[in-house]
Amino acid sequence: METLQTIETKIEKMIEQNKKDIQKAEAELVKANQAVSNAQEKLIQAQKEIDSQKYVKAKDDLWIAEHTREFYDKQLTTLKNSPLIPYEEFHAMIKDVEKFANEEQKTYFELAYEKITEINKLGDKSLEKTQSVDALLKKIVKELGKNNEDYKKSKDGAIISNLYFGISYEPRQALYHYKNQLEKLFDHILDH
């Protein structure tokens, strides 16, 4: 079964093979250029010696060397510029990579959703504890302080607003405040 890893391995192998083929073609092109130079020198030498057999041989060698050079030059251009895979395979590969990547991302999302569910449960416990503390503070004011107006003021007579207008516990860091935001975030993502 194909995975992102197998596709990546396949791609890397094709790229590596292409690089090797380019290096081989470049090396052969260097040899062909040298063969052309050698054949030209032999041709000049045969002309100087006025030796028709050497001249014909040098001319044949030059023709072969020039065509060999042309072959490797075209081969090198093809290797450097032509796609390594057909059009259909190219688009199928992109589609497969995106499909597998989306499946992988979905797995991460599902793991995160499990964590968010745990966080939401902690948020519920946090809210319960906050409500419990709030009720406890109200008991202190109502039952122990008997809603005494003097207890709702500082010693110098200033009104303590959270006591005077009704005590309520608001934690500085309340996890339950973020619970709804997390639920909305994941609901939004699930809808898309």
C-alpha atoms as a PDB file:
ATOM      1  CA  MET A   1       0.000   0.000   0.000  1.00  0.00           C
ATOM      2  CA  GLU A   2       1.288   3.424  -0.886  1.00  0.00           C
ATOM      3  CA  THR A   3       1.972   5.985   1.807  1.00  0.00           C
ATOM      4  CA  LEU A   4       3.564   9.408   1.854  1.00  0.00           C
ATOM      5  CA  GLN A   5       6.837   7.715   2.750  1.00  0.00           C
ATOM      6  CA  THR A   6       6.715   5.258  -0.164  1.00  0.00           C
ATOM      7  CA  ILE A   7       5.843   8.068  -2.576  1.00  0.00           C
ATOM      8  CA  GLU A   8       8.684  10.203  -1.214  1.00  0.00           C
ATOM      9  CA  THR A   9      11.095   7.263  -1.556  1.00  0.00           C
ATOM     10  CA  LYS A  10       9.934   6.709  -5.144  1.00  0.00           C
ATOM     11  CA  ILE A  11      10.404  10.412  -5.935  1.00  0.00           C
ATOM     12  CA  GLU A  12      13.874  10.496  -4.365  1.00  0.00           C
ATOM     13  CA  LYS A  13      14.917   7.413  -6.376  1.00  0.00           C
ATOM     14  CA  MET A  14      13.734   9.009  -9.632  1.00  0.00           C
ATOM     15  CA  ILE A  15      15.539  12.265  -8.839  1.00  0.00           C
ATOM     16  CA  GLU A  16      18.727  10.405  -7.889  1.00  0.00           C
ATOM     17  CA  GLN A  17      18.594   8.310 -11.080  1.00  0.00           C
ATOM     18  CA  ASN A  18      18.099  11.472 -13.138  1.00  0.00           C
ATOM     19  CA  LYS A  19      21.147  13.063 -11.475  1.00  0.00           C
ATOM     20  CA  LYS A  20      23.224   9.946 -12.231  1.00  0.00           C
ATOM     21  CA  ASP A  21      22.038   9.943 -15.851  1.00  0.00           C
ATOM     22  CA  ILE A  22      22.936  13.641 -16.177  1.00  0.00           C
ATOM     23  CA  GLN A  23      26.406  13.026 -14.725  1.00  0.00           C
ATOM     24  CA  LYS A  24      26.917  10.107 -17.103  1.00  0.00           C
ATOM     25  CA  ALA A  25      25.767  12.166 -20.113  1.00  0.00           C
ATOM     26  CA  GLU A  26      28.034  15.055 -19.063  1.00  0.00           C
ATOM     27  CA  ALA A  27      31.010  12.686 -18.772  1.00  0.00           C
ATOM     28  CA  GLU A  28      30.234  11.188 -22.190  1.00  0.00           C
ATOM     29  CA  LEU A  29      29.888  14.685 -23.660  1.00  0.00           C
ATOM     30  CA  VAL A  30      33.356  15.571 -22.343  1.00  0.00           C
ATOM     31  CA  LYS A  31      34.711  12.390 -23.980  1.00  0.00           C
ATOM     32  CA  ALA A  32      32.907  13.214 -27.232  1.00  0.00           C
ATOM     33  CA  ASN A  33      34.339  16.765 -27.242  1.00  0.00           C
ATOM     34  CA  GLN A  34      37.804  15.307 -26.719  1.00  0.00           C
ATOM     35  CA  ALA A  35      37.196  12.821 -29.555  1.00  0.00           C
ATOM     36  CA  VAL A  36      36.186  15.712 -31.852  1.00  0.00           C
ATOM     37  CA  SER A  37      39.389  17.584 -30.951  1.00  0.00           C
ATOM     38  CA  ASN A  38      41.495  14.478 -31.516  1.00  0.00           C
ATOM     39  CA  ALA A  39      39.828  13.755 -34.868  1.00  0.00           C
ATOM     40  CA  GLN A  40      40.358  17.373 -35.991  1.00  0.00           C
ATOM     41  CA  GLU A  41      44.030  17.147 -35.084  1.00  0.00           C
ATOM     42  CA  LYS A  42      44.363  13.859 -37.021  1.00  0.00           C
ATOM     43  CA  LEU A  43      42.582  15.435 -39.980  1.00  0.00           C
ATOM     44  CA  ILE A  44      45.002  18.371 -39.989  1.00  0.00           C
ATOM     45  CA  GLN A  45      47.941  15.994 -39.597  1.00  0.00           C
ATOM     46  CA  ALA A  46      46.726  13.839 -42.534  1.00  0.00           C
ATOM     47  CA  GLN A  47      46.414  16.954 -44.712  1.00  0.00           C
ATOM     48  CA  LYS A  48      49.947  17.970 -43.823  1.00  0.00           C
ATOM     49  CA  GLU A  49      51.233  14.496 -44.614  1.00  0.00           C
ATOM     50  CA  ILE A  50      49.111  14.324 -47.770  1.00  0.00           C
ATOM     51  CA  ASP A  51      47.948  10.845 -46.724  1.00  0.00           C
ATOM     52  CA  SER A  52      44.502  10.097 -48.144  1.00  0.00           C
ATOM     53  CA  GLN A  53      43.954   6.953 -46.065  1.00  0.00           C
ATOM     54  CA  LYS A  54      44.709   8.779 -42.814  1.00  0.00           C
ATOM     55  CA  TYR A  55      42.584  11.678 -44.063  1.00  0.00           C
ATOM     56  CA  VAL A  56      39.558   9.438 -44.812  1.00  0.00           C
ATOM     57  CA  LYS A  57      39.993   7.671 -41.457  1.00  0.00           C
ATOM     58  CA  ALA A  58      40.275  11.022 -39.618  1.00  0.00           C
ATOM     59  CA  LYS A  59      37.239  12.335 -41.506  1.00  0.00           C
ATOM     60  CA  ASP A  60      35.217   9.237 -40.487  1.00  0.00           C
ATOM     61  CA  ASP A  61      36.411   9.598 -36.879  1.00  0.00           C
ATOM     62  CA  LEU A  62      35.442  13.282 -36.919  1.00  0.00           C
ATOM     63  CA  TRP A  63      31.976  12.488 -38.292  1.00  0.00           C
ATOM     64  CA  ILE A  64      31.428   9.818 -35.609  1.00  0.00           C
ATOM     65  CA  ALA A  65      32.758  12.106 -32.844  1.00  0.00           C
ATOM     66  CA  GLU A  66      30.583  15.057 -33.928  1.00  0.00           C
ATOM     67  CA  HIS A  67      27.449  12.911 -34.082  1.00  0.00           C
ATOM     68  CA  THR A  68      28.292  11.312 -30.747  1.00  0.00           C
ATOM     69  CA  ARG A  69      28.721  14.802 -29.255  1.00  0.00           C
ATOM     70  CA  GLU A  70      25.408  15.886 -30.787  1.00  0.00           C
ATOM     71  CA  PHE A  71      23.719  12.779 -29.336  1.00  0.00           C
ATOM     72  CA  TYR A  72      24.993  13.414 -25.773  1.00  0.00           C
ATOM     73  CA  ASP A  73      24.276  17.128 -26.030  1.00  0.00           C
ATOM     74  CA  LYS A  74      20.639  16.381 -26.932  1.00  0.00           C
ATOM     75  CA  GLN A  75      20.517  13.654 -24.285  1.00  0.00           C
ATOM     76  CA  LEU A  76      21.771  16.093 -21.655  1.00  0.00           C
ATOM     77  CA  THR A  77      19.208  18.725 -22.670  1.00  0.00           C
ATOM     78  CA  THR A  78      16.442  16.119 -22.450  1.00  0.00           C
ATOM     79  CA  LEU A  79      17.605  14.861 -19.048  1.00  0.00           C
ATOM     80  CA  LYS A  80      17.820  18.393 -17.644  1.00  0.00           C
ATOM     81  CA  ASN A  81      14.591  19.782 -19.096  1.00  0.00           C
ATOM     82  CA  SER A  82      12.111  16.982 -19.759  1.00  0.00           C
ATOM     83  CA  PRO A  83       9.711  15.773 -17.045  1.00  0.00           C
ATOM     84  CA  LEU A  84      10.707  12.478 -15.449  1.00  0.00           C
ATOM     85  CA  ILE A  85       7.143  11.148 -15.430  1.00  0.00           C
ATOM     86  CA  PRO A  86       4.170  11.359 -17.791  1.00  0.00           C
ATOM     87  CA  TYR A  87       1.504  14.049 -17.317  1.00  0.00           C
ATOM     88  CA  GLU A  88      -1.088  11.596 -15.946  1.00  0.00           C
ATOM     89  CA  GLU A  89       1.325  10.115 -13.410  1.00  0.00           C
ATOM     90  CA  PHE A  90       2.406  13.621 -12.357  1.00  0.00           C
ATOM     91  CA  HIS A  91      -1.157  14.689 -11.544  1.00  0.00           C
ATOM     92  CA  ALA A  92      -2.029  11.333  -9.964  1.00  0.00           C
ATOM     93  CA  MET A  93       1.040  11.624  -7.724  1.00  0.00           C
ATOM     94  CA  ILE A  94       0.066  15.124  -6.588  1.00  0.00           C
ATOM     95  CA  LYS A  95      -3.463  13.897  -5.868  1.00  0.00           C
ATOM     96  CA  ASP A  96      -2.134  10.909  -3.885  1.00  0.00           C
ATOM     97  CA  VAL A  97       0.278  13.052  -1.862  1.00  0.00           C
ATOM     98  CA  GLU A  98      -2.525  15.470  -0.955  1.00  0.00           C
ATOM     99  CA  LYS A  99      -4.867  12.575  -0.115  1.00  0.00           C
ATOM    100  CA  PHE A 100      -2.346  10.873   2.173  1.00  0.00           C
ATOM    101  CA  ALA A 101      -1.347  14.194   3.751  1.00  0.00           C
ATOM    102  CA  ASN A 102      -5.005  15.008   4.458  1.00  0.00           C
ATOM    103  CA  GLU A 103      -5.474  11.596   6.061  1.00  0.00           C
ATOM    104  CA  GLU A 104      -2.401  12.207   8.202  1.00  0.00           C
ATOM    105  CA  GLN A 105      -3.653  15.654   9.203  1.00  0.00           C
ATOM    106  CA  LYS A 106      -7.021  14.131  10.091  1.00  0.00           C
ATOM    107  CA  THR A 107      -5.220  11.743  12.456  1.00  0.00           C
ATOM    108  CA  TYR A 108      -3.558  14.698  14.189  1.00  0.00           C
ATOM    109  CA  PHE A 109      -6.902  16.449  14.386  1.00  0.00           C
ATOM    110  CA  GLU A 110      -8.533  13.384  15.931  1.00  0.00           C
ATOM    111  CA  LEU A 111      -5.760  13.189  18.533  1.00  0.00           C
ATOM    112  CA  ALA A 112      -6.210  16.887  19.277  1.00  0.00           C
ATOM    113  CA  TYR A 113      -9.968  16.407  19.506  1.00  0.00           C
ATOM    114  CA  GLU A 114      -9.424  13.720  22.151  1.00  0.00           C
ATOM    115  CA  LYS A 115      -7.234  16.154  24.089  1.00  0.00           C
ATOM    116  CA  ILE A 116      -9.835  18.901  23.709  1.00  0.00           C
ATOM    117  CA  THR A 117     -12.474  16.528  25.022  1.00  0.00           C
ATOM    118  CA  GLU A 118     -10.261  15.922  28.062  1.00  0.00           C
ATOM    119  CA  ILE A 119      -9.739  19.672  28.458  1.00  0.00           C
ATOM    120  CA  ASN A 120     -13.494  20.216  28.234  1.00  0.00           C
ATOM    121  CA  LYS A 121     -14.016  17.674  31.016  1.00  0.00           C
ATOM    122  CA  LEU A 122     -11.459  19.568  33.101  1.00  0.00           C
ATOM    123  CA  GLY A 123     -13.329  22.764  32.210  1.00  0.00           C
ATOM    124  CA  ASP A 124     -16.543  21.207  33.525  1.00  0.00           C
ATOM    125  CA  LYS A 125     -14.765  20.268  36.768  1.00  0.00           C
ATOM    126  CA  SER A 126     -13.310  23.781  36.935  1.00  0.00           C
ATOM    127  CA  LEU A 127     -16.791  25.274  36.583  1.00  0.00           C
ATOM    128  CA  GLU A 128     -18.191  22.946  39.241  1.00  0.00           C
ATOM    129  CA  LYS A 129     -15.390  23.930  41.630  1.00  0.00           C
ATOM    130  CA  THR A 130     -15.932  27.631  40.860  1.00  0.00           C
ATOM    131  CA  GLN A 131     -19.648  27.275  41.581  1.00  0.00           C
ATOM    132  CA  SER A 132     -18.836  25.403  44.793  1.00  0.00           C
ATOM    133  CA  VAL A 133     -16.438  28.154  45.932  1.00  0.00           C
ATOM    134  CA  ASP A 134     -19.018  30.786  44.940  1.00  0.00           C
ATOM    135  CA  ALA A 135     -21.647  29.040  47.085  1.00  0.00           C
ATOM    136  CA  LEU A 136     -19.160  28.782  49.957  1.00  0.00           C
ATOM    137  CA  LEU A 137     -18.415  32.534  49.788  1.00  0.00           C
ATOM    138  CA  LYS A 138     -22.143  33.298  49.779  1.00  0.00           C
ATOM    139  CA  LYS A 139     -22.580  31.081  52.870  1.00  0.00           C
ATOM    140  CA  ILE A 140     -19.816  33.003  54.629  1.00  0.00           C
ATOM    141  CA  VAL A 141     -21.530  36.326  53.853  1.00  0.00           C
ATOM    142  CA  LYS A 142     -25.085  35.152  54.538  1.00  0.00           C
ATOM    143  CA  GLU A 143     -24.706  32.566  57.288  1.00  0.00           C
ATOM    144  CA  LEU A 144     -21.556  33.579  59.141  1.00  0.00           C
ATOM    145  CA  GLY A 145     -21.680  37.326  58.534  1.00  0.00           C
ATOM    146  CA  LYS A 146     -25.502  37.354  58.642  1.00  0.00           C
ATOM    147  CA  ASN A 147     -25.470  39.894  55.782  1.00  0.00           C
ATOM    148  CA  ASN A 148     -24.284  42.474  58.262  1.00  0.00           C
ATOM    149  CA  GLU A 149     -23.822  45.819  56.481  1.00  0.00           C
ATOM    150  CA  ASP A 150     -20.760  46.631  58.596  1.00  0.00           C
ATOM    151  CA  TYR A 151     -19.017  43.534  57.259  1.00  0.00           C
ATOM    152  CA  LYS A 152     -19.517  44.823  53.724  1.00  0.00           C
ATOM    153  CA  LYS A 153     -17.363  47.878  54.461  1.00  0.00           C
ATOM    154  CA  SER A 154     -13.704  48.355  55.204  1.00  0.00           C
ATOM    155  CA  LYS A 155     -12.654  49.391  58.728  1.00  0.00           C
ATOM    156  CA  ASP A 156     -12.550  53.025  57.621  1.00  0.00           C
ATOM    157  CA  GLY A 157     -16.141  52.775  56.297  1.00  0.00           C
ATOM    158  CA  ALA A 158     -15.552  52.430  52.537  1.00  0.00           C
ATOM    159  CA  ILE A 159     -17.908  50.085  50.744  1.00  0.00           C
ATOM    160  CA  ILE A 160     -16.320  46.827  49.568  1.00  0.00           C
ATOM    161  CA  SER A 161     -18.161  46.547  46.264  1.00  0.00           C
ATOM    162  CA  ASN A 162     -17.905  42.795  45.744  1.00  0.00           C
ATOM    163  CA  LEU A 163     -19.399  42.259  49.216  1.00  0.00           C
ATOM    164  CA  TYR A 164     -21.945  45.061  49.107  1.00  0.00           C
ATOM    165  CA  PHE A 165     -23.424  44.175  45.713  1.00  0.00           C
ATOM    166  CA  GLY A 166     -23.244  40.422  46.215  1.00  0.00           C
ATOM    167  CA  ILE A 167     -20.156  38.303  46.464  1.00  0.00           C
ATOM    168  CA  SER A 168     -19.225  36.161  43.510  1.00  0.00           C
ATOM    169  CA  TYR A 169     -16.140  34.081  42.837  1.00  0.00           C
ATOM    170  CA  GLU A 170     -14.371  34.862  39.564  1.00  0.00           C
ATOM    171  CA  PRO A 171     -11.099  32.926  39.300  1.00  0.00           C
ATOM    172  CA  ARG A 172      -8.144  34.654  37.664  1.00  0.00           C
ATOM    173  CA  GLN A 173      -7.497  31.642  35.474  1.00  0.00           C
ATOM    174  CA  ALA A 174     -10.752  29.918  34.677  1.00  0.00           C
ATOM    175  CA  LEU A 175     -10.405  26.993  32.295  1.00  0.00           C
ATOM    176  CA  TYR A 176     -14.151  26.864  31.726  1.00  0.00           C
ATOM    177  CA  HIS A 177     -13.994  30.306  30.059  1.00  0.00           C
ATOM    178  CA  TYR A 178     -12.029  28.718  27.205  1.00  0.00           C
ATOM    179  CA  LYS A 179     -14.121  25.561  26.968  1.00  0.00           C
ATOM    180  CA  ASN A 180     -16.761  27.160  24.750  1.00  0.00           C
ATOM    181  CA  GLN A 181     -14.129  28.724  22.504  1.00  0.00           C
ATOM    182  CA  LEU A 182     -12.450  25.346  22.001  1.00  0.00           C
ATOM    183  CA  GLU A 183     -15.789  23.692  21.240  1.00  0.00           C
ATOM    184  CA  LYS A 184     -16.639  26.407  18.716  1.00  0.00           C
ATOM    185  CA  LEU A 185     -13.223  26.050  17.081  1.00  0.00           C
ATOM    186  CA  PHE A 186     -13.580  22.302  16.627  1.00  0.00           C
ATOM    187  CA  ASP A 187     -17.210  22.564  15.520  1.00  0.00           C
ATOM    188  CA  HIS A 188     -16.122  25.108  12.910  1.00  0.00           C
ATOM    189  CA  ILE A 189     -13.340  22.824  11.680  1.00  0.00           C
ATOM    190  CA  LEU A 190     -15.664  19.820  11.559  1.00  0.00           C
ATOM    191  CA  ASP A 191     -18.151  21.794   9.460  1.00  0.00           C
ATOM    192  CA  HIS A 192     -15.512  22.414   6.766  1.00  0.00           C
END
